[in-house]
Amino acid sequence: MWKAFTRSIPGEWTELPVTPVSTTGSFRSADAARTASEMSLPPHLVTYLGQEAEGAGNQSRDAIETWATDAEKEAAAFDWAGAPRIRAIEEAVAVFMPASKGTRVPEKPTTLAWHDHAGVIIPIVGERAEIRVEYIPEPKDEYRVDRLRYRHATPQHAFETVLDWRGYFGRNSGILDGWTMMRESGRGYAASFVGEAGFVVGTVLRRLTAPAVTLEEDPWAKARCVDAEQRYPLVAMECPDLAKVRPPRMDRGIVWVHGTASCGTVGLKDLLLPNFGHLTPAIRGTVFRFEHDTFVKMRRNARELRDLIEDRLAVDHLLLAGHSRGGCVARLAADMLQRNRYGGDISVYTFGTPHEGTPLVDIGRTALNLLLKASQELMANAPLPIMTPLNKAMCYTLDSVDLPPGIKDMSKDGEAEAFRDLVRPANARSWGSDFDIHGKESGFGPAASGALRGALGSEPNDLVVPTASALAFGTPQPTLSCSHTRYFLEPSIGDAIRQFLTPPVVAPEAPPVSAAAEAAATRPPQDHVAPEKAVFRKKSKPFRLVLKTQEEKDPGNPNAAAENITEGLDG
């Protein structure tokens, strides 16, 4: 039996009309969609619930018992790599992990998780409201709890009852997954969370958990990468894993650094698949993936990336592009390369990166389960995560005394402090987003601490990383409005990547001018008539012609007349 109450913040509690999901057994998304279609709920939000139900099992929120056997089969392929054992046990899924490093795998499951045969749809009216949910289990569900505890629990196991809910909020919308611990209340359990206008579909998760060793490595990183390469073979071929190739020297190249519990193929398919037919030969073959384990320390990832680049990649212009946690790894690797005097110039672009940390890491051990969900690939036409049975099993069963070291690095007290001492690349840019639940964009994210934005509070964020933290590096780019997993569908980011890969057009230099050519350039045209050259002659002295009679000159000289004629000529 379900009851729900609501109040404005602050305000008085009033009872909400709730509708139990009609089901004959295990909870299924299809049952929830059919029930929602008969209610007065926002049609655009009900459409998303319908897409969730109509998609393959990887999109649905069906109860654990419907897919536990598939998760066991999927996990079996990677047992050899040291991954914890995943098993389907009765109606539950179980994980077997050693209690400490070096000890044997226990006979009893470390964590056992299953769903009750119950579901509920809670409509929410108003922009923002606090919701209180009360749940009284059916006798058959309580009997299952007693049976599984008797058969599989030890004195070290703790028992948890969790409200496992998905909210469909806003005018476009935002889809948010939340876990809210339920406390005992009377004959049942109660929990509270904060939601927006829309509705919530909830079911009840039960868990038996025992202390387990802290995961210092991601046991399913290899499985995740193989699965993505099989689903997107074109992206995997065009953007190969840098550890598996040795490309020739090139002018420009990009190394793609993925985020938490993800792989490079997922981000690159959003960026490149719609444009593969338009990529020029100069661009294709210049993007490489850095596939790595995000549970290990960031600096270990960065050293591995530095060594791969120095050994395998010789480029004149190198771009390290990092999403989320991958941006932190890219910054550290760039600093190491610059200190080692790498042969090319280095640029770093980051997208939704927690340069100053993210509060999600500080909420405790459930942060790992939430971050695993937040890192999943989304459907192309809806903000719904695509999760294989193995990924679902990880989200429901992973538990440890402490967070993996590579996740803890993203806290405000983690590697963020050390970033201040790094050598900043000349070309450093950062992108961040302020997701608006009522805006035009749709998105998916985790709802931590039972609230819409949970640990992120009221500060702007992309549902995983605060906007200010994402823009606290290099030259901040204009703030986007997408959710954390949608950055690479943004046209501005695609333009920035293509602009880097396209060499700038430089005008050719003019050839040197010879002396003859220069003289020809100054020679007047043939139809030009030059003025006549003036000729200057030496001016003669004036002369005088004097005629004298013989008597005036020398009366006694008979030749005097002739002498007088020549004497008067000068010149």
Protein backbone atom coordinates (compact mmCIF):
# COMPACT_ATOMS: atom_id res chain seq x y z
CA MET A 1 0.00 0.00 0.00
CA TRP A 2 1.24 3.46 -0.90
CA LYS A 3 0.54 6.93 0.43
CA ALA A 4 2.13 10.24 -0.52
CA PHE A 5 2.02 13.72 0.92
CA THR A 6 3.28 17.03 -0.46
CA ARG A 7 4.03 20.51 0.74
CA SER A 8 5.54 23.64 -0.68
CA ILE A 9 8.89 24.68 0.76
CA PRO A 10 7.93 25.73 3.44
CA GLY A 11 4.28 24.75 3.82
CA GLU A 12 1.73 22.37 5.30
CA TRP A 13 1.51 18.68 4.35
CA THR A 14 -1.42 17.65 2.15
CA GLU A 15 -2.14 14.15 0.85
CA LEU A 16 -1.44 13.44 -2.82
CA PRO A 17 -3.50 11.13 -5.02
CA VAL A 18 -1.19 8.25 -5.95
CA THR A 19 -1.76 5.36 -8.35
CA PRO A 20 -0.18 1.94 -7.73
CA VAL A 21 1.32 0.39 -10.86
CA SER A 22 -0.92 -2.47 -11.88
CA THR A 23 1.22 -5.57 -12.25
CA THR A 24 0.76 -9.32 -11.87
CA GLY A 25 4.32 -9.96 -10.75
CA SER A 26 7.65 -8.19 -11.22
CA PHE A 27 7.60 -4.44 -11.79
CA ARG A 28 8.06 -3.53 -15.47
CA SER A 29 8.30 -0.19 -17.27
CA ALA A 30 5.56 -1.32 -19.66
CA ASP A 31 3.15 -1.66 -16.73
CA ALA A 32 4.07 1.83 -15.53
CA ALA A 33 3.55 3.29 -19.02
CA ARG A 34 0.15 1.67 -19.34
CA THR A 35 -0.90 2.96 -15.92
CA ALA A 36 0.41 6.49 -16.69
CA SER A 37 -1.53 6.64 -19.96
CA GLU A 38 -4.75 6.37 -17.96
CA MET A 39 -3.84 9.29 -15.68
CA SER A 40 -3.93 13.06 -16.20
CA LEU A 41 -0.18 13.59 -16.57
CA PRO A 42 1.84 15.89 -18.90
CA PRO A 43 1.72 14.12 -22.30
CA HIS A 44 5.31 14.93 -23.28
CA LEU A 45 6.58 13.30 -20.07
CA VAL A 46 4.39 10.24 -20.53
CA THR A 47 5.93 9.90 -24.01
CA TYR A 48 9.38 9.43 -22.46
CA LEU A 49 8.00 6.73 -20.17
CA GLY A 50 6.52 5.06 -23.25
CA GLN A 51 9.88 5.15 -25.04
CA GLU A 52 11.50 3.64 -21.96
CA ALA A 53 9.01 0.77 -22.05
CA GLU A 54 9.16 0.21 -25.82
CA GLY A 55 12.94 0.16 -26.06
CA ALA A 56 15.06 -2.92 -25.60
CA GLY A 57 15.69 -4.19 -22.09
CA ASN A 58 18.70 -1.88 -21.88
CA GLN A 59 16.40 1.16 -21.54
CA SER A 60 13.76 -0.21 -19.18
CA ARG A 61 13.63 -0.09 -15.39
CA ASP A 62 12.25 -3.61 -15.08
CA ALA A 63 12.76 -5.37 -11.75
CA ILE A 64 16.06 -7.12 -11.05
CA GLU A 65 14.66 -10.65 -11.31
CA THR A 66 13.79 -10.05 -15.01
CA TRP A 67 17.42 -9.52 -16.08
CA ALA A 68 19.66 -10.99 -13.34
CA THR A 69 20.45 -14.14 -15.36
CA ASP A 70 21.53 -12.02 -18.36
CA ALA A 71 23.85 -10.00 -16.10
CA GLU A 72 25.48 -13.23 -14.88
CA LYS A 73 26.09 -14.40 -18.45
CA GLU A 74 27.53 -11.04 -19.48
CA ALA A 75 29.83 -10.88 -16.44
CA ALA A 76 31.11 -14.44 -16.98
CA ALA A 77 33.00 -13.35 -20.09
CA PHE A 78 35.23 -11.12 -17.95
CA ASP A 79 35.80 -13.25 -14.84
CA TRP A 80 39.33 -13.94 -16.07
CA ALA A 81 40.24 -10.23 -15.80
CA GLY A 82 39.80 -10.19 -12.02
CA ALA A 83 36.26 -8.82 -12.03
CA PRO A 84 34.06 -9.67 -9.04
CA ARG A 85 31.66 -12.51 -9.67
CA ILE A 86 28.08 -11.57 -10.57
CA ARG A 87 25.45 -14.24 -9.96
CA ALA A 88 21.68 -14.53 -10.27
CA ILE A 89 20.39 -15.97 -6.98
CA GLU A 90 16.69 -16.71 -6.78
CA GLU A 91 14.93 -13.36 -7.46
CA ALA A 92 18.06 -11.32 -6.79
CA VAL A 93 21.40 -10.35 -8.30
CA ALA A 94 24.52 -10.84 -6.18
CA VAL A 95 28.14 -9.73 -6.27
CA PHE A 96 30.96 -11.61 -4.56
CA MET A 97 33.94 -9.47 -3.53
CA PRO A 98 36.76 -10.08 -1.03
CA ALA A 99 36.52 -8.25 2.28
CA SER A 100 40.11 -7.06 1.90
CA LYS A 101 42.82 -7.08 -0.74
CA GLY A 102 44.46 -10.47 -1.12
CA THR A 103 41.75 -12.47 0.66
CA ARG A 104 39.57 -15.14 -0.89
CA VAL A 105 36.20 -14.45 -2.46
CA PRO A 106 33.55 -15.18 0.20
CA GLU A 107 31.05 -18.01 -0.05
CA LYS A 108 28.20 -15.67 0.83
CA PRO A 109 27.44 -12.73 -1.50
CA THR A 110 28.92 -9.39 -0.55
CA THR A 111 25.77 -7.62 -1.76
CA LEU A 112 22.41 -9.11 -2.67
CA ALA A 113 19.78 -6.86 -4.29
CA TRP A 114 16.18 -7.39 -5.43
CA HIS A 115 12.95 -5.46 -6.02
CA ASP A 116 9.58 -5.85 -4.33
CA HIS A 117 6.60 -6.63 -6.56
CA ALA A 118 5.33 -3.08 -6.19
CA GLY A 119 5.34 0.24 -8.00
CA VAL A 120 3.68 3.63 -7.74
CA ILE A 121 3.14 6.79 -9.82
CA ILE A 122 3.09 10.06 -7.89
CA PRO A 123 1.97 13.25 -9.72
CA ILE A 124 3.64 16.49 -8.64
CA VAL A 125 1.92 19.84 -9.13
CA GLY A 126 3.83 23.11 -8.76
CA GLU A 127 7.31 24.26 -9.60
CA ARG A 128 9.01 22.69 -6.60
CA ALA A 129 7.66 20.58 -3.74
CA GLU A 130 8.77 18.24 -1.00
CA ILE A 131 7.29 14.75 -1.25
CA ARG A 132 6.85 12.26 1.60
CA VAL A 133 6.17 8.66 0.58
CA GLU A 134 4.84 5.93 2.88
CA TYR A 135 4.97 2.27 1.89
CA ILE A 136 3.53 -0.84 3.55
CA PRO A 137 4.78 -4.04 1.85
CA GLU A 138 2.54 -6.89 0.84
CA PRO A 139 2.97 -10.08 2.92
CA LYS A 140 4.58 -11.91 -0.05
CA ASP A 141 7.28 -9.24 -0.29
CA GLU A 142 8.00 -9.44 3.44
CA TYR A 143 8.20 -13.22 3.17
CA ARG A 144 10.81 -12.88 0.40
CA VAL A 145 12.88 -10.62 2.66
CA ASP A 146 12.85 -13.23 5.43
CA ARG A 147 13.71 -16.06 3.05
CA LEU A 148 16.67 -14.33 1.35
CA ARG A 149 18.06 -13.04 4.64
CA TYR A 150 17.92 -16.52 6.17
CA ARG A 151 19.67 -18.15 3.20
CA HIS A 152 22.31 -15.57 2.26
CA ALA A 153 22.97 -13.10 5.08
CA THR A 154 25.69 -13.20 7.74
CA PRO A 155 25.97 -11.21 10.97
CA GLN A 156 28.09 -8.72 9.03
CA HIS A 157 25.33 -7.95 6.52
CA ALA A 158 23.22 -4.82 6.89
CA PHE A 159 19.68 -4.71 5.53
CA GLU A 160 18.51 -1.69 3.50
CA THR A 161 15.14 -0.65 2.07
CA VAL A 162 15.51 1.96 -0.69
CA LEU A 163 12.96 3.99 -2.63
CA ASP A 164 14.27 3.48 -6.18
CA TRP A 165 12.62 6.25 -8.19
CA ARG A 166 12.77 8.02 -11.52
CA GLY A 167 11.35 11.51 -11.89
CA TYR A 168 10.02 12.96 -15.16
CA PHE A 169 10.14 16.69 -14.53
CA GLY A 170 9.84 20.03 -16.27
CA ARG A 171 8.42 21.43 -19.44
CA ASN A 172 10.72 19.51 -21.79
CA SER A 173 12.14 17.59 -19.59
CA GLY A 174 14.74 16.42 -17.14
CA ILE A 175 14.77 12.76 -16.21
CA LEU A 176 16.42 12.08 -12.88
CA ASP A 177 17.14 8.83 -11.09
CA GLY A 178 17.20 8.83 -7.32
CA TRP A 179 17.86 6.54 -4.41
CA THR A 180 16.30 7.55 -1.12
CA MET A 181 16.92 5.42 1.95
CA MET A 182 13.63 4.51 3.62
CA ARG A 183 13.31 4.44 7.38
CA GLU A 184 10.99 2.23 9.35
CA SER A 185 7.69 3.95 10.14
CA GLY A 186 4.83 2.11 11.84
CA ARG A 187 4.07 -1.04 9.88
CA GLY A 188 6.08 0.07 6.88
CA TYR A 189 8.67 2.51 5.60
CA ALA A 190 8.85 6.22 4.75
CA ALA A 191 11.10 8.46 2.66
CA SER A 192 11.19 12.09 1.50
CA PHE A 193 12.60 13.78 -1.59
CA VAL A 194 12.17 17.00 -3.56
CA GLY A 195 10.67 17.13 -7.04
CA GLU A 196 9.43 19.51 -9.72
CA ALA A 197 6.26 19.66 -11.79
CA GLY A 198 5.73 16.29 -13.44
CA PHE A 199 5.55 12.83 -11.91
CA VAL A 200 7.65 10.14 -10.23
CA VAL A 201 7.61 6.40 -10.86
CA GLY A 202 8.86 4.56 -7.81
CA THR A 203 9.56 1.00 -6.75
CA VAL A 204 11.24 -0.55 -3.71
CA LEU A 205 14.79 -1.91 -3.73
CA ARG A 206 15.99 -4.28 -1.00
CA ARG A 207 19.69 -4.87 -0.29
CA LEU A 208 21.80 -7.03 1.97
CA THR A 209 25.30 -5.51 2.13
CA ALA A 210 28.51 -6.52 3.88
CA PRO A 211 31.77 -4.53 4.12
CA ALA A 212 33.93 -5.02 1.03
CA VAL A 213 37.38 -4.00 -0.08
CA THR A 214 37.69 -0.55 -1.63
CA LEU A 215 37.74 -0.87 -5.40
CA GLU A 216 41.15 0.43 -6.46
CA GLU A 217 40.56 -0.66 -10.06
CA ASP A 218 37.43 -0.77 -12.23
CA PRO A 219 36.74 -4.49 -12.69
CA TRP A 220 34.45 -3.93 -15.67
CA ALA A 221 36.36 -1.26 -17.60
CA LYS A 222 37.38 -3.75 -20.30
CA ALA A 223 33.83 -5.08 -20.67
CA ARG A 224 32.47 -1.55 -21.09
CA CYS A 225 34.99 -0.70 -23.82
CA VAL A 226 34.39 -3.92 -25.77
CA ASP A 227 30.62 -3.41 -25.64
CA ALA A 228 30.88 0.15 -27.00
CA GLU A 229 33.25 -0.86 -29.81
CA GLN A 230 30.82 -3.59 -30.90
CA ARG A 231 27.89 -1.16 -30.98
CA TYR A 232 29.82 1.58 -32.83
CA PRO A 233 32.39 -0.19 -35.03
CA LEU A 234 32.75 2.77 -37.41
CA VAL A 235 33.75 5.12 -34.58
CA ALA A 236 36.11 2.50 -33.13
CA MET A 237 37.78 2.06 -36.53
CA GLU A 238 38.09 5.74 -37.43
CA CYS A 239 39.20 6.75 -33.90
CA PRO A 240 41.43 3.89 -32.75
CA ASP A 241 42.73 3.22 -29.26
CA LEU A 242 46.13 4.94 -29.07
CA ALA A 243 47.57 1.95 -27.21
CA LYS A 244 46.93 -0.23 -30.28
CA VAL A 245 48.31 1.92 -33.12
CA ARG A 246 51.49 3.75 -34.08
CA PRO A 247 50.43 6.48 -36.54
CA PRO A 248 52.88 8.33 -38.83
CA ARG A 249 53.97 11.85 -38.03
CA MET A 250 51.22 14.37 -38.71
CA ASP A 251 50.55 18.07 -38.43
CA ARG A 252 47.49 17.89 -36.14
CA GLY A 253 46.06 15.23 -33.87
CA ILE A 254 43.56 14.81 -31.03
CA VAL A 255 43.63 12.42 -28.08
CA TRP A 256 40.17 11.88 -26.57
CA VAL A 257 40.05 11.32 -22.79
CA HIS A 258 36.74 9.93 -21.51
CA GLY A 259 35.05 10.47 -18.15
CA THR A 260 34.14 8.32 -15.14
CA ALA A 261 33.26 4.69 -15.86
CA SER A 262 32.90 5.42 -19.57
CA CYS A 263 34.88 4.89 -22.76
CA GLY A 264 36.02 7.12 -25.62
CA THR A 265 33.71 5.60 -28.22
CA VAL A 266 30.59 6.85 -26.43
CA GLY A 267 31.51 10.56 -26.52
CA LEU A 268 33.01 10.42 -30.00
CA LYS A 269 29.94 8.82 -31.56
CA ASP A 270 27.86 11.89 -30.61
CA LEU A 271 30.49 14.21 -32.03
CA LEU A 272 31.48 12.39 -35.22
CA LEU A 273 28.80 9.95 -36.38
CA PRO A 274 26.44 12.62 -37.82
CA ASN A 275 29.36 14.13 -39.77
CA PHE A 276 31.40 11.14 -40.98
CA GLY A 277 30.20 11.62 -44.54
CA HIS A 278 31.45 15.22 -44.50
CA LEU A 279 34.87 14.70 -42.94
CA THR A 280 37.75 15.44 -45.26
CA PRO A 281 40.68 12.99 -45.63
CA ALA A 282 42.86 15.51 -43.77
CA ILE A 283 40.66 15.19 -40.68
CA ARG A 284 39.89 11.47 -40.71
CA GLY A 285 42.51 9.39 -38.96
CA THR A 286 43.66 12.22 -36.67
CA VAL A 287 41.57 11.38 -33.57
CA PHE A 288 42.69 8.73 -31.08
CA ARG A 289 41.08 7.32 -27.92
CA PHE A 290 42.77 6.98 -24.55
CA GLU A 291 40.91 4.10 -22.91
CA HIS A 292 41.74 3.89 -19.22
CA ASP A 293 40.58 2.80 -15.77
CA THR A 294 38.90 5.72 -13.99
CA PHE A 295 38.99 4.05 -10.56
CA VAL A 296 42.78 4.47 -10.26
CA LYS A 297 44.43 7.76 -9.29
CA MET A 298 44.29 10.55 -11.86
CA ARG A 299 48.05 10.96 -11.88
CA ARG A 300 48.50 7.31 -12.76
CA ASN A 301 46.16 7.80 -15.73
CA ALA A 302 48.08 10.95 -16.71
CA ARG A 303 51.48 9.21 -16.61
CA GLU A 304 50.13 6.42 -18.80
CA LEU A 305 48.76 8.95 -21.29
CA ARG A 306 52.04 10.90 -21.32
CA ASP A 307 54.05 7.74 -22.01
CA LEU A 308 51.72 6.69 -24.85
CA ILE A 309 51.94 10.09 -26.54
CA GLU A 310 55.72 10.35 -26.23
CA ASP A 311 56.15 6.82 -27.55
CA ARG A 312 53.53 6.70 -30.31
CA LEU A 313 52.26 10.11 -31.36
CA ALA A 314 54.44 12.70 -33.11
CA VAL A 315 52.38 15.75 -34.08
CA ASP A 316 53.16 19.44 -34.51
CA HIS A 317 49.84 20.50 -32.93
CA LEU A 318 48.34 18.22 -30.25
CA LEU A 319 44.90 18.64 -28.65
CA LEU A 320 43.98 16.76 -25.47
CA ALA A 321 40.16 16.82 -25.25
CA GLY A 322 38.67 15.59 -21.98
CA HIS A 323 35.09 15.03 -20.83
CA SER A 324 34.24 15.24 -17.12
CA ARG A 325 37.01 13.54 -15.09
CA GLY A 326 38.93 13.06 -18.36
CA GLY A 327 39.56 16.81 -18.49
CA CYS A 328 41.49 16.57 -15.21
CA VAL A 329 43.60 13.72 -16.63
CA ALA A 330 44.22 15.76 -19.80
CA ARG A 331 45.46 18.74 -17.76
CA LEU A 332 47.86 16.60 -15.74
CA ALA A 333 49.20 14.86 -18.85
CA ALA A 334 49.68 18.18 -20.66
CA ASP A 335 51.70 19.49 -17.73
CA MET A 336 53.93 16.39 -17.80
CA LEU A 337 54.43 16.63 -21.57
CA GLN A 338 55.36 20.30 -21.41
CA ARG A 339 57.88 19.70 -18.63
CA ASN A 340 59.40 16.93 -20.77
CA ARG A 341 59.59 19.37 -23.71
CA TYR A 342 57.29 17.47 -26.05
CA GLY A 343 58.05 18.22 -29.70
CA GLY A 344 54.71 19.85 -30.62
CA ASP A 345 52.57 22.60 -29.14
CA ILE A 346 49.82 21.38 -26.81
CA SER A 347 46.20 22.52 -26.42
CA VAL A 348 43.68 21.33 -23.82
CA TYR A 349 39.88 21.51 -24.17
CA THR A 350 37.66 20.34 -21.29
CA PHE A 351 33.90 19.69 -21.21
CA GLY A 352 31.96 19.48 -17.94
CA THR A 353 35.17 18.89 -15.99
CA PRO A 354 35.19 19.31 -12.17
CA HIS A 355 38.28 21.55 -12.05
CA GLU A 356 37.26 22.59 -8.54
CA GLY A 357 35.62 19.28 -7.65
CA THR A 358 32.00 18.15 -7.56
CA PRO A 359 29.89 17.81 -4.40
CA LEU A 360 28.45 14.53 -5.70
CA VAL A 361 31.65 12.80 -4.57
CA ASP A 362 31.14 14.00 -1.00
CA ILE A 363 27.74 12.39 -0.37
CA GLY A 364 29.21 9.05 0.70
CA ARG A 365 29.35 5.54 -0.68
CA THR A 366 26.15 5.90 -2.76
CA ALA A 367 28.04 8.41 -4.91
CA LEU A 368 29.62 5.54 -6.84
CA ASN A 369 26.23 4.06 -7.75
CA LEU A 370 24.94 7.47 -8.85
CA LEU A 371 28.04 8.34 -10.88
CA LEU A 372 27.87 5.00 -12.67
CA LYS A 373 24.34 5.88 -13.76
CA ALA A 374 25.31 9.44 -14.74
CA SER A 375 28.09 8.14 -17.01
CA GLN A 376 25.84 5.97 -19.13
CA GLU A 377 25.14 6.64 -22.78
CA LEU A 378 21.71 8.10 -23.56
CA MET A 379 19.19 7.14 -26.22
CA ALA A 380 19.41 9.20 -29.40
CA ASN A 381 15.85 10.55 -29.19
CA ALA A 382 15.24 10.68 -25.43
CA PRO A 383 17.20 11.49 -22.25
CA LEU A 384 17.11 7.85 -21.14
CA PRO A 385 20.25 5.93 -20.14
CA ILE A 386 21.25 2.81 -22.05
CA MET A 387 22.33 0.24 -19.47
CA THR A 388 23.24 -3.37 -20.16
CA PRO A 389 22.25 -5.95 -17.53
CA LEU A 390 25.85 -5.94 -16.30
CA ASN A 391 25.82 -2.16 -15.86
CA LYS A 392 22.54 -2.38 -13.98
CA ALA A 393 23.97 -5.07 -11.71
CA MET A 394 26.97 -2.86 -10.95
CA CYS A 395 24.75 0.09 -10.03
CA TYR A 396 22.62 -1.99 -7.67
CA THR A 397 25.34 -4.06 -6.00
CA LEU A 398 28.63 -2.15 -5.94
CA ASP A 399 29.51 -1.24 -2.40
CA SER A 400 32.77 -0.53 -0.62
CA VAL A 401 34.09 0.92 2.58
CA ASP A 402 35.42 3.91 0.67
CA LEU A 403 35.19 5.36 -2.82
CA PRO A 404 37.78 4.28 -5.41
CA PRO A 405 40.84 6.58 -5.34
CA GLY A 406 40.20 7.84 -8.86
CA ILE A 407 36.69 8.94 -7.85
CA LYS A 408 37.83 10.57 -4.62
CA ASP A 409 40.23 12.67 -6.69
CA MET A 410 37.18 14.61 -7.94
CA SER A 411 36.27 15.88 -4.48
CA LYS A 412 36.96 19.48 -3.56
CA ASP A 413 39.85 18.27 -1.42
CA GLY A 414 41.23 15.98 -4.13
CA GLU A 415 43.47 16.81 -7.09
CA ALA A 416 41.69 20.16 -7.54
CA GLU A 417 44.16 21.75 -5.10
CA ALA A 418 47.16 20.53 -7.12
CA PHE A 419 45.86 22.00 -10.39
CA ARG A 420 46.96 25.46 -9.34
CA ASP A 421 50.62 24.49 -9.79
CA LEU A 422 50.28 23.05 -13.28
CA VAL A 423 51.82 24.65 -16.35
CA ARG A 424 48.91 26.08 -18.32
CA PRO A 425 48.92 25.38 -22.08
CA ALA A 426 48.88 28.40 -24.36
CA ASN A 427 45.56 27.26 -25.86
CA ALA A 428 43.34 26.16 -22.96
CA ARG A 429 39.53 26.31 -23.14
CA SER A 430 36.73 25.05 -20.91
CA TRP A 431 33.04 24.43 -21.52
CA GLY A 432 30.39 24.22 -18.80
CA SER A 433 26.61 24.11 -18.71
CA ASP A 434 23.72 25.35 -16.60
CA PHE A 435 20.93 22.83 -17.12
CA ASP A 436 17.42 24.24 -16.66
CA ILE A 437 14.80 21.65 -15.80
CA HIS A 438 12.19 23.90 -17.46
CA GLY A 439 14.34 24.93 -20.44
CA LYS A 440 14.28 23.70 -24.03
CA GLU A 441 16.94 21.04 -23.46
CA SER A 442 16.24 17.54 -22.14
CA GLY A 443 18.69 15.74 -19.93
CA PHE A 444 19.40 12.90 -17.54
CA GLY A 445 21.22 12.88 -14.25
CA PRO A 446 21.35 11.50 -10.72
CA ALA A 447 19.26 13.04 -7.97
CA ALA A 448 21.57 12.80 -4.98
CA SER A 449 20.46 12.93 -1.36
CA GLY A 450 16.81 12.54 -2.29
CA ALA A 451 16.57 15.98 -3.90
CA LEU A 452 16.30 17.17 -7.46
CA ARG A 453 19.75 18.69 -7.38
CA GLY A 454 20.72 17.00 -4.14
CA ALA A 455 24.30 17.61 -3.09
CA LEU A 456 24.70 20.18 -5.87
CA GLY A 457 22.34 22.53 -4.05
CA SER A 458 20.90 25.51 -5.86
CA GLU A 459 24.08 26.56 -7.69
CA PRO A 460 24.02 26.26 -11.51
CA ASN A 461 25.17 22.84 -12.74
CA ASP A 462 24.86 20.33 -15.56
CA LEU A 463 23.30 17.73 -13.20
CA VAL A 464 26.75 16.35 -12.27
CA VAL A 465 29.30 19.20 -12.15
CA PRO A 466 28.73 22.80 -10.95
CA THR A 467 28.98 25.30 -13.80
CA ALA A 468 31.59 27.42 -11.98
CA SER A 469 33.79 24.36 -11.43
CA ALA A 470 33.55 23.36 -15.11
CA LEU A 471 34.60 26.85 -16.28
CA ALA A 472 37.51 27.28 -13.82
CA PHE A 473 40.23 26.58 -16.40
CA GLY A 474 41.78 28.41 -19.31
CA THR A 475 39.45 30.57 -21.37
CA PRO A 476 35.82 29.89 -20.37
CA GLN A 477 33.53 29.47 -23.37
CA PRO A 478 29.89 30.66 -23.41
CA THR A 479 27.79 28.69 -20.92
CA LEU A 480 25.66 25.96 -22.51
CA SER A 481 22.28 24.58 -21.37
CA CYS A 482 22.76 20.84 -21.96
CA SER A 483 23.03 18.09 -19.35
CA HIS A 484 26.32 16.42 -18.44
CA THR A 485 26.09 13.62 -21.01
CA ARG A 486 24.97 15.84 -23.93
CA TYR A 487 27.96 18.15 -24.49
CA PHE A 488 29.02 16.57 -27.77
CA LEU A 489 25.68 17.16 -29.43
CA GLU A 490 26.26 20.91 -29.10
CA PRO A 491 27.12 22.55 -32.49
CA SER A 492 29.58 25.00 -30.91
CA ILE A 493 31.71 22.15 -29.55
CA GLY A 494 31.71 20.34 -32.86
CA ASP A 495 32.78 23.57 -34.56
CA ALA A 496 35.65 24.06 -32.08
CA ILE A 497 36.97 20.53 -32.66
CA ARG A 498 36.77 20.82 -36.45
CA GLN A 499 38.38 24.26 -36.34
CA PHE A 500 41.36 22.81 -34.49
CA LEU A 501 41.72 19.95 -36.97
CA THR A 502 41.52 22.24 -40.00
CA PRO A 503 44.86 23.98 -40.58
CA PRO A 504 44.55 27.74 -41.07
CA VAL A 505 44.79 28.94 -44.67
CA VAL A 506 48.01 30.94 -45.16
CA ALA A 507 48.45 33.10 -48.28
CA PRO A 508 51.54 32.04 -50.30
CA GLU A 509 54.56 34.34 -50.11
CA ALA A 510 55.38 36.40 -53.24
CA PRO A 511 58.52 35.13 -55.11
CA PRO A 512 61.64 37.34 -54.94
CA VAL A 513 61.79 40.08 -57.62
CA SER A 514 64.86 40.09 -59.90
CA ALA A 515 66.63 43.32 -60.96
CA ALA A 516 65.48 42.88 -64.56
CA ALA A 517 61.88 42.36 -63.45
CA GLU A 518 62.09 45.39 -61.22
CA ALA A 519 63.44 47.47 -64.10
CA ALA A 520 60.70 46.19 -66.36
CA ALA A 521 58.15 47.11 -63.74
CA THR A 522 59.35 50.72 -63.76
CA ARG A 523 59.62 50.97 -67.58
CA PRO A 524 56.79 53.09 -69.05
CA PRO A 525 54.21 51.39 -71.21
CA GLN A 526 54.75 51.20 -74.96
CA ASP A 527 51.94 53.63 -75.78
CA HIS A 528 53.45 56.26 -73.54
CA VAL A 529 55.16 59.15 -75.43
CA ALA A 530 58.00 60.76 -73.52
CA PRO A 531 58.59 64.47 -73.98
CA GLU A 532 61.53 65.47 -76.23
CA LYS A 533 64.81 65.92 -74.44
CA ALA A 534 66.05 69.47 -74.34
CA VAL A 535 69.56 70.04 -75.81
CA PHE A 536 71.70 72.68 -74.23
CA ARG A 537 74.73 74.18 -76.12
CA LYS A 538 77.47 76.40 -74.89
CA LYS A 539 76.58 79.99 -75.54
CA SER A 540 79.05 81.83 -77.82
CA LYS A 541 80.52 85.13 -76.83
CA PRO A 542 79.06 88.07 -78.74
CA PHE A 543 81.21 89.41 -81.58
CA ARG A 544 81.56 92.79 -83.09
CA LEU A 545 82.26 93.65 -86.70
CA VAL A 546 84.22 96.87 -86.91
CA LEU A 547 85.07 98.34 -90.26
CA LYS A 548 87.61 101.03 -90.34
CA THR A 549 89.07 102.87 -93.20
CA GLN A 550 92.76 102.44 -93.84
CA GLU A 551 93.33 105.96 -92.94
CA GLU A 552 91.67 105.50 -89.52
CA LYS A 553 93.82 102.48 -88.70
CA ASP A 554 97.22 103.11 -90.06
CA PRO A 555 97.46 105.53 -92.80
CA GLY A 556 100.95 104.30 -93.61
CA ASN A 557 100.16 100.54 -93.81
CA PRO A 558 98.63 99.29 -97.06
CA ASN A 559 97.30 95.93 -95.46
CA ALA A 560 95.51 97.56 -92.59
CA ALA A 561 92.07 97.10 -94.13
CA ALA A 562 92.36 93.28 -94.26
CA GLU A 563 93.66 93.02 -90.68
CA ASN A 564 90.78 95.05 -89.37
CA ILE A 565 88.24 92.58 -90.74
CA THR A 566 89.70 89.48 -89.02
CA GLU A 567 90.44 91.24 -85.80
CA GLY A 568 86.80 91.86 -85.12
CA LEU A 569 85.83 88.10 -85.28
CA ASP A 570 86.00 86.27 -81.91
CA GLY A 571 84.70 82.67 -81.94
